[in-house]
Protein backbone atom coordinates (compact mmCIF):
# COMPACT_ATOMS: atom_id res chain seq x y z
CA MET A 1 0.00 0.00 0.00
CA SER A 2 1.43 3.37 -0.99
CA GLU A 3 1.75 6.33 1.35
CA ALA A 4 -0.92 8.20 -0.64
CA GLU A 5 -3.33 5.27 -0.17
CA ILE A 6 -2.61 5.16 3.55
CA LEU A 7 -3.19 8.91 3.89
CA GLU A 8 -6.48 8.67 1.99
CA ALA A 9 -7.62 5.77 4.17
CA LEU A 10 -6.74 7.81 7.26
CA ARG A 11 -8.80 10.74 5.97
CA GLY A 12 -11.72 8.32 5.57
CA ILE A 13 -11.29 7.09 9.15
CA ILE A 14 -11.35 10.66 10.46
CA ARG A 15 -14.49 11.39 8.41
CA GLN A 16 -16.19 8.35 9.97
CA VAL A 17 -15.28 9.30 13.54
CA ALA A 18 -15.77 13.06 13.14
CA PRO A 19 -18.29 13.59 10.32
CA ASP A 20 -18.20 17.39 10.70
CA ALA A 21 -14.44 17.43 10.05
CA ASP A 22 -13.04 17.97 6.56
CA PRO A 23 -9.73 16.08 6.56
CA SER A 24 -9.06 17.12 2.95
CA THR A 25 -8.04 20.52 4.38
CA LEU A 26 -5.56 18.95 6.80
CA ALA A 27 -1.82 19.15 6.15
CA PRO A 28 -0.19 15.72 6.58
CA ASP A 29 1.88 16.89 9.56
CA GLU A 30 -0.91 18.91 11.24
CA ASP A 31 -2.27 17.72 14.60
CA PHE A 32 -5.77 16.53 13.68
CA ARG A 33 -6.87 16.50 17.33
CA ARG A 34 -6.36 20.25 17.55
CA ALA A 35 -7.57 21.01 14.04
CA PHE A 36 -10.88 19.20 14.53
CA ASP A 37 -11.24 19.35 18.33
CA ILE A 38 -10.93 15.56 18.62
CA ASP A 39 -11.29 14.43 22.23
CA SER A 40 -9.50 11.46 23.78
CA PHE A 41 -12.44 9.11 23.20
CA ASP A 42 -12.62 9.93 19.49
CA HIS A 43 -8.83 9.66 19.24
CA LEU A 44 -9.11 6.16 20.69
CA ARG A 45 -11.82 5.36 18.13
CA ILE A 46 -9.47 6.56 15.37
CA MET A 47 -6.64 4.38 16.70
CA THR A 48 -8.98 1.38 16.89
CA ALA A 49 -10.07 1.99 13.28
CA VAL A 50 -6.41 2.27 12.21
CA SER A 51 -5.72 -1.11 13.84
CA GLU A 52 -8.68 -2.71 12.08
CA ARG A 53 -8.10 -1.08 8.69
CA PHE A 54 -4.38 -1.83 8.45
CA GLY A 55 -4.22 -5.02 10.49
CA VAL A 56 -1.69 -3.66 12.96
CA ASP A 57 -1.85 -3.39 16.72
CA VAL A 58 -1.36 0.18 17.95
CA PRO A 59 0.12 -0.10 21.44
CA GLU A 60 -1.37 2.26 24.01
CA GLY A 61 2.04 3.84 24.56
CA GLU A 62 2.24 4.87 20.89
CA GLN A 63 -1.23 6.35 20.57
CA GLY A 64 -0.41 9.67 22.21
CA ARG A 65 2.22 10.55 19.63
CA LEU A 66 0.13 9.48 16.63
CA VAL A 67 -1.67 12.79 16.16
CA SER A 68 -1.06 13.60 12.50
CA LEU A 69 -1.79 11.79 9.27
CA GLN A 70 1.93 11.62 8.47
CA ARG A 71 2.91 10.19 11.85
CA ILE A 72 0.24 7.51 11.58
CA ALA A 73 1.19 6.72 7.98
CA ASP A 74 4.87 6.42 8.93
CA TRP A 75 3.96 4.21 11.89
CA VAL A 76 1.74 1.94 9.76
CA LYS A 77 4.46 1.54 7.12
CA ALA A 78 7.03 0.65 9.80
CA ALA A 79 4.65 -1.77 11.52
CA LYS A 80 3.91 -3.56 8.24
CA ALA A 81 7.58 -3.74 7.18
């Protein structure tokens, strides 16, 4: 899966969890929690969806630093390598 495909899938996950958000306006390195006022519960829902979508386990200790599309994409690529 290419980085562009991962980023697009992540935008879809954010749209599902926060339907009022428009992730197409989000820079890849921008903190989506701040940009869309994502609370900790919705962030957990996003991390759960990332685990399910990409078939990787996101350890609780990693979740706090995975706050941008690029960080998540980099993490997914490394986890699948």
